[in-house]
Every structure is written in structure tokens, then in C-alpha cells.
PDB file of all heavy atoms in Angstrom:
ATOM      1  N   GLY A   1      -4.562  -1.691 -11.177  1.00  0.00           N
ATOM      2  CA  GLY A   1      -3.279  -1.425 -11.696  1.00  0.00           C
ATOM      3  C   GLY A   1      -2.491  -0.352 -11.002  1.00  0.00           C
ATOM      4  O   GLY A   1      -1.319  -0.141 -11.339  1.00  0.00           O
ATOM      5  N   ALA A   2      -2.985   0.234  -9.951  1.00  0.00           N
ATOM      6  CA  ALA A   2      -2.228   1.170  -9.112  1.00  0.00           C
ATOM      7  C   ALA A   2      -1.100   0.459  -8.368  1.00  0.00           C
ATOM      8  O   ALA A   2      -1.293  -0.726  -7.957  1.00  0.00           O
ATOM      9  CB  ALA A   2      -3.108   1.894  -8.180  1.00  0.00           C
ATOM     10  N   THR A   3       0.024   1.083  -8.155  1.00  0.00           N
ATOM     11  CA  THR A   3       1.047   0.502  -7.366  1.00  0.00           C
ATOM     12  C   THR A   3       0.893   0.851  -5.933  1.00  0.00           C
ATOM     13  O   THR A   3       0.157   1.787  -5.584  1.00  0.00           O
ATOM     14  CB  THR A   3       2.501   0.995  -7.811  1.00  0.00           C
ATOM     15  OG1 THR A   3       2.485   2.423  -7.610  1.00  0.00           O
ATOM     16  CG2 THR A   3       2.705   0.679  -9.289  1.00  0.00           C
ATOM     17  N   LEU A   4       1.633   0.164  -5.086  1.00  0.00           N
ATOM     18  CA  LEU A   4       1.525   0.444  -3.628  1.00  0.00           C
ATOM     19  C   LEU A   4       2.018   1.898  -3.394  1.00  0.00           C
ATOM     20  O   LEU A   4       1.453   2.639  -2.520  1.00  0.00           O
ATOM     21  CB  LEU A   4       2.427  -0.484  -2.850  1.00  0.00           C
ATOM     22  CG  LEU A   4       2.018  -1.978  -2.912  1.00  0.00           C
ATOM     23  CD1 LEU A   4       2.895  -2.788  -1.915  1.00  0.00           C
ATOM     24  CD2 LEU A   4       0.539  -2.199  -2.643  1.00  0.00           C
ATOM     25  N   GLY A   5       3.047   2.289  -4.137  1.00  0.00           N
ATOM     26  CA  GLY A   5       3.588   3.686  -3.992  1.00  0.00           C
ATOM     27  C   GLY A   5       2.564   4.710  -4.308  1.00  0.00           C
ATOM     28  O   GLY A   5       2.424   5.725  -3.671  1.00  0.00           O
ATOM     29  N   GLU A   6       1.770   4.444  -5.350  1.00  0.00           N
ATOM     30  CA  GLU A   6       0.687   5.367  -5.732  1.00  0.00           C
ATOM     31  C   GLU A   6      -0.428   5.461  -4.690  1.00  0.00           C
ATOM     32  O   GLU A   6      -0.976   6.503  -4.451  1.00  0.00           O
ATOM     33  CB  GLU A   6       0.132   4.968  -7.112  1.00  0.00           C
ATOM     34  CG  GLU A   6       1.101   5.195  -8.257  1.00  0.00           C
ATOM     35  CD  GLU A   6       0.694   4.529  -9.606  1.00  0.00           C
ATOM     36  OE1 GLU A   6      -0.110   3.658  -9.581  1.00  0.00           O
ATOM     37  OE2 GLU A   6       1.238   5.050 -10.621  1.00  0.00           O
ATOM     38  N   VAL A   7      -0.714   4.279  -4.086  1.00  0.00           N
ATOM     39  CA  VAL A   7      -1.704   4.253  -3.032  1.00  0.00           C
ATOM     40  C   VAL A   7      -1.192   5.062  -1.842  1.00  0.00           C
ATOM     41  O   VAL A   7      -1.907   5.933  -1.282  1.00  0.00           O
ATOM     42  CB  VAL A   7      -2.042   2.781  -2.617  1.00  0.00           C
ATOM     43  CG1 VAL A   7      -2.990   2.772  -1.435  1.00  0.00           C
ATOM     44  CG2 VAL A   7      -2.628   1.970  -3.775  1.00  0.00           C
ATOM     45  N   TYR A   8      -0.016   4.753  -1.349  1.00  0.00           N
ATOM     46  CA  TYR A   8       0.569   5.444  -0.199  1.00  0.00           C
ATOM     47  C   TYR A   8       0.568   6.948  -0.442  1.00  0.00           C
ATOM     48  O   TYR A   8       0.243   7.730   0.422  1.00  0.00           O
ATOM     49  CB  TYR A   8       1.907   4.928   0.125  1.00  0.00           C
ATOM     50  CG  TYR A   8       2.064   3.429   0.430  1.00  0.00           C
ATOM     51  CD1 TYR A   8       3.248   2.771   0.222  1.00  0.00           C
ATOM     52  CD2 TYR A   8       0.960   2.754   0.938  1.00  0.00           C
ATOM     53  CE1 TYR A   8       3.333   1.462   0.496  1.00  0.00           C
ATOM     54  CE2 TYR A   8       1.045   1.410   1.245  1.00  0.00           C
ATOM     55  CZ  TYR A   8       2.260   0.716   0.994  1.00  0.00           C
ATOM     56  OH  TYR A   8       2.379  -0.571   1.327  1.00  0.00           O
ATOM     57  N   HIS A   9       1.004   7.351  -1.623  1.00  0.00           N
ATOM     58  CA  HIS A   9       1.123   8.699  -1.946  1.00  0.00           C
ATOM     59  C   HIS A   9      -0.186   9.474  -1.923  1.00  0.00           C
ATOM     60  O   HIS A   9      -0.352  10.569  -1.379  1.00  0.00           O
ATOM     61  CB  HIS A   9       1.856   8.930  -3.274  1.00  0.00           C
ATOM     62  CG  HIS A   9       2.286  10.317  -3.685  1.00  0.00           C
ATOM     63  ND1 HIS A   9       1.409  11.192  -4.238  1.00  0.00           N
ATOM     64  CD2 HIS A   9       3.475  10.982  -3.524  1.00  0.00           C
ATOM     65  CE1 HIS A   9       2.027  12.345  -4.384  1.00  0.00           C
ATOM     66  NE2 HIS A   9       3.274  12.240  -4.013  1.00  0.00           N
ATOM     67  N   SER A  10      -1.158   8.816  -2.504  1.00  0.00           N
ATOM     68  CA  SER A  10      -2.535   9.407  -2.582  1.00  0.00           C
ATOM     69  C   SER A  10      -3.138   9.528  -1.185  1.00  0.00           C
ATOM     70  O   SER A  10      -3.771  10.568  -0.896  1.00  0.00           O
ATOM     71  CB  SER A  10      -3.446   8.571  -3.474  1.00  0.00           C
ATOM     72  OG  SER A  10      -2.947   8.507  -4.791  1.00  0.00           O
ATOM     73  N   VAL A  11      -2.913   8.580  -0.386  1.00  0.00           N
ATOM     74  CA  VAL A  11      -3.446   8.660   1.013  1.00  0.00           C
ATOM     75  C   VAL A  11      -2.809   9.827   1.768  1.00  0.00           C
ATOM     76  O   VAL A  11      -3.413  10.629   2.475  1.00  0.00           O
ATOM     77  CB  VAL A  11      -3.282   7.301   1.781  1.00  0.00           C
ATOM     78  CG1 VAL A  11      -3.604   7.460   3.226  1.00  0.00           C
ATOM     79  CG2 VAL A  11      -4.078   6.215   1.129  1.00  0.00           C
ATOM     80  N   ALA A  12      -1.429   9.896   1.625  1.00  0.00           N
ATOM     81  CA  ALA A  12      -0.703  10.946   2.346  1.00  0.00           C
ATOM     82  C   ALA A  12      -1.103  12.344   1.905  1.00  0.00           C
ATOM     83  O   ALA A  12      -0.958  13.285   2.678  1.00  0.00           O
ATOM     84  CB  ALA A  12       0.796  10.727   2.190  1.00  0.00           C
ATOM     85  N   GLU A  13      -1.428  12.496   0.633  1.00  0.00           N
ATOM     86  CA  GLU A  13      -1.899  13.810   0.117  1.00  0.00           C
ATOM     87  C   GLU A  13      -3.201  14.250   0.852  1.00  0.00           C
ATOM     88  O   GLU A  13      -3.409  15.451   0.981  1.00  0.00           O
ATOM     89  CB  GLU A  13      -2.175  13.717  -1.368  1.00  0.00           C
ATOM     90  CG  GLU A  13      -0.973  13.729  -2.195  1.00  0.00           C
ATOM     91  CD  GLU A  13      -1.296  13.873  -3.672  1.00  0.00           C
ATOM     92  OE1 GLU A  13      -2.300  13.188  -4.133  1.00  0.00           O
ATOM     93  OE2 GLU A  13      -0.628  14.622  -4.419  1.00  0.00           O
ATOM     94  N   LYS A  14      -3.929  13.332   1.350  1.00  0.00           N
ATOM     95  CA  LYS A  14      -5.222  13.675   1.987  1.00  0.00           C
ATOM     96  C   LYS A  14      -5.063  13.736   3.530  1.00  0.00           C
ATOM     97  O   LYS A  14      -5.815  14.452   4.227  1.00  0.00           O
ATOM     98  CB  LYS A  14      -6.293  12.689   1.669  1.00  0.00           C
ATOM     99  CG  LYS A  14      -6.744  12.684   0.182  1.00  0.00           C
ATOM    100  CD  LYS A  14      -7.434  13.950  -0.159  1.00  0.00           C
ATOM    101  CE  LYS A  14      -7.957  13.986  -1.594  1.00  0.00           C
ATOM    102  NZ  LYS A  14      -9.098  13.024  -1.800  1.00  0.00           N
ATOM    103  N   SER A  15      -4.115  12.970   4.070  1.00  0.00           N
ATOM    104  CA  SER A  15      -4.015  12.872   5.572  1.00  0.00           C
ATOM    105  C   SER A  15      -2.692  12.426   6.018  1.00  0.00           C
ATOM    106  O   SER A  15      -2.059  11.515   5.449  1.00  0.00           O
ATOM    107  CB  SER A  15      -5.093  11.949   6.077  1.00  0.00           C
ATOM    108  OG  SER A  15      -4.944  11.631   7.470  1.00  0.00           O
ATOM    109  N   ARG A  16      -2.194  13.055   7.074  1.00  0.00           N
ATOM    110  CA  ARG A  16      -0.953  12.625   7.684  1.00  0.00           C
ATOM    111  C   ARG A  16      -1.141  11.488   8.722  1.00  0.00           C
ATOM    112  O   ARG A  16      -0.148  10.818   9.103  1.00  0.00           O
ATOM    113  CB  ARG A  16      -0.290  13.849   8.381  1.00  0.00           C
ATOM    114  CG  ARG A  16       1.067  13.650   9.025  1.00  0.00           C
ATOM    115  CD  ARG A  16       1.512  14.886   9.799  1.00  0.00           C
ATOM    116  NE  ARG A  16       2.725  14.631  10.549  1.00  0.00           N
ATOM    117  CZ  ARG A  16       3.956  14.844  10.163  1.00  0.00           C
ATOM    118  NH1 ARG A  16       4.123  15.311   8.886  1.00  0.00           N
ATOM    119  NH2 ARG A  16       5.006  14.604  10.917  1.00  0.00           N
ATOM    120  N   VAL A  17      -2.396  11.220   9.066  1.00  0.00           N
ATOM    121  CA  VAL A  17      -2.650  10.230  10.079  1.00  0.00           C
ATOM    122  C   VAL A  17      -3.379   9.061   9.561  1.00  0.00           C
ATOM    123  O   VAL A  17      -4.028   8.294  10.279  1.00  0.00           O
ATOM    124  CB  VAL A  17      -3.377  10.901  11.309  1.00  0.00           C
ATOM    125  CG1 VAL A  17      -2.475  11.866  12.008  1.00  0.00           C
ATOM    126  CG2 VAL A  17      -4.708  11.513  10.878  1.00  0.00           C
ATOM    127  N   HIS A  18      -3.295   8.793   8.281  1.00  0.00           N
ATOM    128  CA  HIS A  18      -3.891   7.632   7.665  1.00  0.00           C
ATOM    129  C   HIS A  18      -2.775   6.878   6.867  1.00  0.00           C
ATOM    130  O   HIS A  18      -1.904   7.472   6.348  1.00  0.00           O
ATOM    131  CB  HIS A  18      -5.046   7.972   6.728  1.00  0.00           C
ATOM    132  CG  HIS A  18      -6.357   8.358   7.461  1.00  0.00           C
ATOM    133  ND1 HIS A  18      -6.534   9.555   7.986  1.00  0.00           N
ATOM    134  CD2 HIS A  18      -7.460   7.601   7.737  1.00  0.00           C
ATOM    135  CE1 HIS A  18      -7.701   9.653   8.642  1.00  0.00           C
ATOM    136  NE2 HIS A  18      -8.287   8.471   8.443  1.00  0.00           N
ATOM    137  N   GLY A  19      -2.988   5.576   6.797  1.00  0.00           N
ATOM    138  CA  GLY A  19      -2.080   4.731   6.034  1.00  0.00           C
ATOM    139  C   GLY A  19      -2.779   3.468   5.561  1.00  0.00           C
ATOM    140  O   GLY A  19      -3.972   3.382   5.789  1.00  0.00           O
ATOM    141  N   PHE A  20      -2.090   2.565   5.015  1.00  0.00           N
ATOM    142  CA  PHE A  20      -2.589   1.313   4.609  1.00  0.00           C
ATOM    143  C   PHE A  20      -1.586   0.228   4.865  1.00  0.00           C
ATOM    144  O   PHE A  20      -0.407   0.347   4.438  1.00  0.00           O
ATOM    145  CB  PHE A  20      -3.013   1.309   3.100  1.00  0.00           C
ATOM    146  CG  PHE A  20      -3.691   0.015   2.660  1.00  0.00           C
ATOM    147  CD1 PHE A  20      -4.924  -0.273   3.196  1.00  0.00           C
ATOM    148  CD2 PHE A  20      -3.076  -0.846   1.750  1.00  0.00           C
ATOM    149  CE1 PHE A  20      -5.599  -1.469   2.802  1.00  0.00           C
ATOM    150  CE2 PHE A  20      -3.719  -1.952   1.406  1.00  0.00           C
ATOM    151  CZ  PHE A  20      -4.947  -2.332   1.913  1.00  0.00           C
ATOM    152  N   PRO A  21      -1.976  -0.893   5.509  1.00  0.00           N
ATOM    153  CA  PRO A  21      -0.981  -1.905   5.888  1.00  0.00           C
ATOM    154  C   PRO A  21      -0.720  -2.831   4.689  1.00  0.00           C
ATOM    155  O   PRO A  21      -1.478  -3.751   4.387  1.00  0.00           O
ATOM    156  CB  PRO A  21      -1.756  -2.710   7.007  1.00  0.00           C
ATOM    157  CG  PRO A  21      -3.238  -2.519   6.693  1.00  0.00           C
ATOM    158  CD  PRO A  21      -3.327  -1.125   6.049  1.00  0.00           C
ATOM    159  N   SER A  22       0.400  -2.601   4.024  1.00  0.00           N
ATOM    160  CA  SER A  22       0.731  -3.366   2.850  1.00  0.00           C
ATOM    161  C   SER A  22       2.253  -3.420   2.725  1.00  0.00           C
ATOM    162  O   SER A  22       2.951  -3.116   3.603  1.00  0.00           O
ATOM    163  CB  SER A  22       0.040  -2.771   1.619  1.00  0.00           C
ATOM    164  OG  SER A  22      -0.307  -3.727   0.690  1.00  0.00           O
ATOM    165  N   GLY A  23       2.746  -3.786   1.491  1.00  0.00           N
ATOM    166  CA  GLY A  23       4.082  -4.207   1.327  1.00  0.00           C
ATOM    167  C   GLY A  23       5.139  -3.068   1.302  1.00  0.00           C
ATOM    168  O   GLY A  23       4.812  -1.910   1.348  1.00  0.00           O
ATOM    169  N   LEU A  24       6.417  -3.525   1.261  1.00  0.00           N
ATOM    170  CA  LEU A  24       7.556  -2.597   1.306  1.00  0.00           C
ATOM    171  C   LEU A  24       7.935  -1.996  -0.060  1.00  0.00           C
ATOM    172  O   LEU A  24       8.347  -0.852  -0.108  1.00  0.00           O
ATOM    173  CB  LEU A  24       8.746  -3.347   1.856  1.00  0.00           C
ATOM    174  CG  LEU A  24       8.697  -3.939   3.258  1.00  0.00           C
ATOM    175  CD1 LEU A  24       9.995  -4.487   3.651  1.00  0.00           C
ATOM    176  CD2 LEU A  24       8.245  -2.824   4.273  1.00  0.00           C
ATOM    177  N   CYS A  25       7.758  -2.771  -1.107  1.00  0.00           N
ATOM    178  CA  CYS A  25       8.217  -2.317  -2.402  1.00  0.00           C
ATOM    179  C   CYS A  25       7.182  -1.437  -3.073  1.00  0.00           C
ATOM    180  O   CYS A  25       6.102  -1.918  -3.363  1.00  0.00           O
ATOM    181  CB  CYS A  25       8.613  -3.508  -3.297  1.00  0.00           C
ATOM    182  SG  CYS A  25       9.276  -2.966  -4.881  1.00  0.00           S
ATOM    183  N   HIS A  26       7.527  -0.239  -3.417  1.00  0.00           N
ATOM    184  CA  HIS A  26       6.548   0.750  -3.900  1.00  0.00           C
ATOM    185  C   HIS A  26       6.071   0.425  -5.317  1.00  0.00           C
ATOM    186  O   HIS A  26       5.063   0.978  -5.767  1.00  0.00           O
ATOM    187  CB  HIS A  26       7.092   2.171  -3.807  1.00  0.00           C
ATOM    188  CG  HIS A  26       8.237   2.430  -4.736  1.00  0.00           C
ATOM    189  ND1 HIS A  26       9.502   1.846  -4.645  1.00  0.00           N
ATOM    190  CD2 HIS A  26       8.312   3.246  -5.844  1.00  0.00           C
ATOM    191  CE1 HIS A  26      10.284   2.301  -5.572  1.00  0.00           C
ATOM    192  NE2 HIS A  26       9.598   3.064  -6.348  1.00  0.00           N
ATOM    193  N   THR A  27       6.765  -0.375  -6.080  1.00  0.00           N
ATOM    194  CA  THR A  27       6.416  -0.631  -7.504  1.00  0.00           C
ATOM    195  C   THR A  27       5.473  -1.883  -7.645  1.00  0.00           C
ATOM    196  O   THR A  27       5.121  -2.215  -8.781  1.00  0.00           O
ATOM    197  CB  THR A  27       7.650  -0.804  -8.382  1.00  0.00           C
ATOM    198  OG1 THR A  27       8.422  -1.888  -7.880  1.00  0.00           O
ATOM    199  CG2 THR A  27       8.472   0.521  -8.346  1.00  0.00           C
ATOM    200  N   ILE A  28       5.158  -2.531  -6.592  1.00  0.00           N
ATOM    201  CA  ILE A  28       4.264  -3.694  -6.623  1.00  0.00           C
ATOM    202  C   ILE A  28       2.866  -3.192  -6.969  1.00  0.00           C
ATOM    203  O   ILE A  28       2.372  -2.239  -6.447  1.00  0.00           O
ATOM    204  CB  ILE A  28       4.205  -4.419  -5.299  1.00  0.00           C
ATOM    205  CG1 ILE A  28       5.572  -5.128  -5.011  1.00  0.00           C
ATOM    206  CG2 ILE A  28       3.081  -5.450  -5.229  1.00  0.00           C
ATOM    207  CD1 ILE A  28       5.644  -5.748  -3.616  1.00  0.00           C
ATOM    208  N   GLY A  29       2.198  -3.969  -7.865  1.00  0.00           N
ATOM    209  CA  GLY A  29       0.807  -3.640  -8.195  1.00  0.00           C
ATOM    210  C   GLY A  29      -0.133  -4.088  -7.074  1.00  0.00           C
ATOM    211  O   GLY A  29      -0.065  -5.159  -6.572  1.00  0.00           O
ATOM    212  N   LEU A  30      -1.064  -3.137  -6.706  1.00  0.00           N
ATOM    213  CA  LEU A  30      -1.963  -3.472  -5.617  1.00  0.00           C
ATOM    214  C   LEU A  30      -2.826  -4.660  -5.922  1.00  0.00           C
ATOM    215  O   LEU A  30      -3.154  -5.496  -5.102  1.00  0.00           O
ATOM    216  CB  LEU A  30      -2.841  -2.267  -5.309  1.00  0.00           C
ATOM    217  CG  LEU A  30      -3.761  -2.457  -4.070  1.00  0.00           C
ATOM    218  CD1 LEU A  30      -2.981  -2.211  -2.760  1.00  0.00           C
ATOM    219  CD2 LEU A  30      -4.983  -1.512  -4.121  1.00  0.00           C
ATOM    220  N   GLY A  31      -3.298  -4.835  -7.224  1.00  0.00           N
ATOM    221  CA  GLY A  31      -4.166  -5.853  -7.597  1.00  0.00           C
ATOM    222  C   GLY A  31      -3.629  -7.251  -7.227  1.00  0.00           C
ATOM    223  O   GLY A  31      -4.349  -8.011  -6.558  1.00  0.00           O
ATOM    224  N   GLY A  32      -2.481  -7.608  -7.653  1.00  0.00           N
ATOM    225  CA  GLY A  32      -1.891  -8.870  -7.326  1.00  0.00           C
ATOM    226  C   GLY A  32      -1.510  -9.011  -5.883  1.00  0.00           C
ATOM    227  O   GLY A  32      -1.708 -10.059  -5.300  1.00  0.00           O
ATOM    228  N   HIS A  33      -1.065  -7.945  -5.240  1.00  0.00           N
ATOM    229  CA  HIS A  33      -0.621  -7.989  -3.892  1.00  0.00           C
ATOM    230  C   HIS A  33      -1.795  -8.332  -2.964  1.00  0.00           C
ATOM    231  O   HIS A  33      -1.643  -9.279  -2.138  1.00  0.00           O
ATOM    232  CB  HIS A  33      -0.049  -6.575  -3.501  1.00  0.00           C
ATOM    233  CG  HIS A  33       0.603  -6.564  -2.194  1.00  0.00           C
ATOM    234  ND1 HIS A  33       1.746  -7.300  -1.884  1.00  0.00           N
ATOM    235  CD2 HIS A  33       0.379  -5.824  -1.067  1.00  0.00           C
ATOM    236  CE1 HIS A  33       2.195  -7.045  -0.690  1.00  0.00           C
ATOM    237  NE2 HIS A  33       1.404  -6.169  -0.148  1.00  0.00           N
ATOM    238  N   LEU A  34      -2.964  -7.720  -3.147  1.00  0.00           N
ATOM    239  CA  LEU A  34      -4.102  -8.013  -2.317  1.00  0.00           C
ATOM    240  C   LEU A  34      -4.709  -9.398  -2.597  1.00  0.00           C
ATOM    241  O   LEU A  34      -5.213 -10.038  -1.733  1.00  0.00           O
ATOM    242  CB  LEU A  34      -5.174  -6.921  -2.415  1.00  0.00           C
ATOM    243  CG  LEU A  34      -4.791  -5.500  -1.919  1.00  0.00           C
ATOM    244  CD1 LEU A  34      -6.014  -4.626  -2.071  1.00  0.00           C
ATOM    245  CD2 LEU A  34      -4.270  -5.537  -0.545  1.00  0.00           C
ATOM    246  N   SER A  35      -4.640  -9.761  -3.882  1.00  0.00           N
ATOM    247  CA  SER A  35      -5.246 -11.051  -4.247  1.00  0.00           C
ATOM    248  C   SER A  35      -4.471 -12.245  -3.608  1.00  0.00           C
ATOM    249  O   SER A  35      -5.008 -13.318  -3.474  1.00  0.00           O
ATOM    250  CB  SER A  35      -5.352 -11.238  -5.731  1.00  0.00           C
ATOM    251  OG  SER A  35      -4.150 -11.562  -6.322  1.00  0.00           O
ATOM    252  N   GLY A  36      -3.245 -11.986  -3.218  1.00  0.00           N
ATOM    253  CA  GLY A  36      -2.412 -13.042  -2.560  1.00  0.00           C
ATOM    254  C   GLY A  36      -2.332 -12.926  -1.084  1.00  0.00           C
ATOM    255  O   GLY A  36      -1.852 -13.785  -0.423  1.00  0.00           O
ATOM    256  N   GLY A  37      -2.735 -11.835  -0.555  1.00  0.00           N
ATOM    257  CA  GLY A  37      -2.713 -11.589   0.949  1.00  0.00           C
ATOM    258  C   GLY A  37      -2.208 -10.135   1.264  1.00  0.00           C
ATOM    259  O   GLY A  37      -2.978  -9.332   1.691  1.00  0.00           O
ATOM    260  N   GLY A  38      -0.948  -9.872   1.016  1.00  0.00           N
ATOM    261  CA  GLY A  38      -0.412  -8.509   1.209  1.00  0.00           C
ATOM    262  C   GLY A  38       0.212  -8.307   2.620  1.00  0.00           C
ATOM    263  O   GLY A  38      -0.380  -7.660   3.492  1.00  0.00           O
ATOM    264  N   THR A  39       1.443  -8.842   2.819  1.00  0.00           N
ATOM    265  CA  THR A  39       2.161  -8.673   4.043  1.00  0.00           C
ATOM    266  C   THR A  39       2.828  -7.292   4.049  1.00  0.00           C
ATOM    267  O   THR A  39       3.092  -6.726   3.010  1.00  0.00           O
ATOM    268  CB  THR A  39       3.173  -9.757   4.275  1.00  0.00           C
ATOM    269  OG1 THR A  39       4.150  -9.704   3.202  1.00  0.00           O
ATOM    270  CG2 THR A  39       2.511 -11.141   4.341  1.00  0.00           C
ATOM    271  N   GLY A  40       3.116  -6.791   5.268  1.00  0.00           N
ATOM    272  CA  GLY A  40       3.790  -5.481   5.350  1.00  0.00           C
ATOM    273  C   GLY A  40       4.168  -5.167   6.754  1.00  0.00           C
ATOM    274  O   GLY A  40       3.881  -5.938   7.715  1.00  0.00           O
ATOM    275  N   THR A  41       4.718  -4.016   6.990  1.00  0.00           N
ATOM    276  CA  THR A  41       5.250  -3.597   8.292  1.00  0.00           C
ATOM    277  C   THR A  41       4.160  -3.244   9.339  1.00  0.00           C
ATOM    278  O   THR A  41       4.487  -3.135  10.512  1.00  0.00           O
ATOM    279  CB  THR A  41       6.180  -2.409   8.190  1.00  0.00           C
ATOM    280  OG1 THR A  41       5.502  -1.305   7.568  1.00  0.00           O
ATOM    281  CG2 THR A  41       7.412  -2.725   7.360  1.00  0.00           C
ATOM    282  N   MET A  42       2.922  -3.133   8.987  1.00  0.00           N
ATOM    283  CA  MET A  42       1.859  -2.871   9.935  1.00  0.00           C
ATOM    284  C   MET A  42       0.949  -4.063  10.117  1.00  0.00           C
ATOM    285  O   MET A  42      -0.089  -3.982  10.759  1.00  0.00           O
ATOM    286  CB  MET A  42       1.031  -1.623   9.535  1.00  0.00           C
ATOM    287  CG  MET A  42       1.777  -0.370   9.561  1.00  0.00           C
ATOM    288  SD  MET A  42       0.749   1.144   9.664  1.00  0.00           S
ATOM    289  CE  MET A  42       0.074   1.163   8.036  1.00  0.00           C
ATOM    290  N   MET A  43       1.356  -5.235   9.653  1.00  0.00           N
ATOM    291  CA  MET A  43       0.414  -6.382   9.751  1.00  0.00           C
ATOM    292  C   MET A  43       0.268  -6.912  11.152  1.00  0.00           C
ATOM    293  O   MET A  43      -0.732  -7.465  11.502  1.00  0.00           O
ATOM    294  CB  MET A  43       0.882  -7.549   8.840  1.00  0.00           C
ATOM    295  CG  MET A  43       2.221  -8.189   9.171  1.00  0.00           C
ATOM    296  SD  MET A  43       2.626  -9.506   7.903  1.00  0.00           S
ATOM    297  CE  MET A  43       4.222  -9.997   8.476  1.00  0.00           C
ATOM    298  N   ARG A  44       1.221  -6.660  12.064  1.00  0.00           N
ATOM    299  CA  ARG A  44       1.064  -7.044  13.461  1.00  0.00           C
ATOM    300  C   ARG A  44       0.049  -6.206  14.165  1.00  0.00           C
ATOM    301  O   ARG A  44      -0.506  -6.573  15.183  1.00  0.00           O
ATOM    302  CB  ARG A  44       2.397  -7.072  14.223  1.00  0.00           C
ATOM    303  CG  ARG A  44       3.431  -8.013  13.622  1.00  0.00           C
ATOM    304  CD  ARG A  44       4.697  -8.170  14.521  1.00  0.00           C
ATOM    305  NE  ARG A  44       4.333  -8.737  15.808  1.00  0.00           N
ATOM    306  CZ  ARG A  44       4.273  -8.150  16.917  1.00  0.00           C
ATOM    307  NH1 ARG A  44       4.608  -6.820  16.983  1.00  0.00           N
ATOM    308  NH2 ARG A  44       3.916  -8.760  18.078  1.00  0.00           N
TER     309      ARG A  44
END
């Protein structure tokens, strides 16, 4: 039930040099996003 924004924010709290390759909209739920694939700006 976490959103992409909550994931990105939590990662950034721990490290400036880590991220996660996923979508643009921060309010998307991670559960559904990953279960369908999860495109984003780092997929290449």
C-alpha cells in the first residue's frame, strides 16, 4: 500500500546515491505498479 513517493522519500532519507527505477506519479501505489510491470525514467 505504499506509494511511489513514499518509497522514493524513504530511500532518499537513507542515501543520496540510491534510487528505484519506477514511475513518474508519486501517488501511484507500489503494489499495483509492480504487479503490472512498472515503467519509469530509469528503465533504459
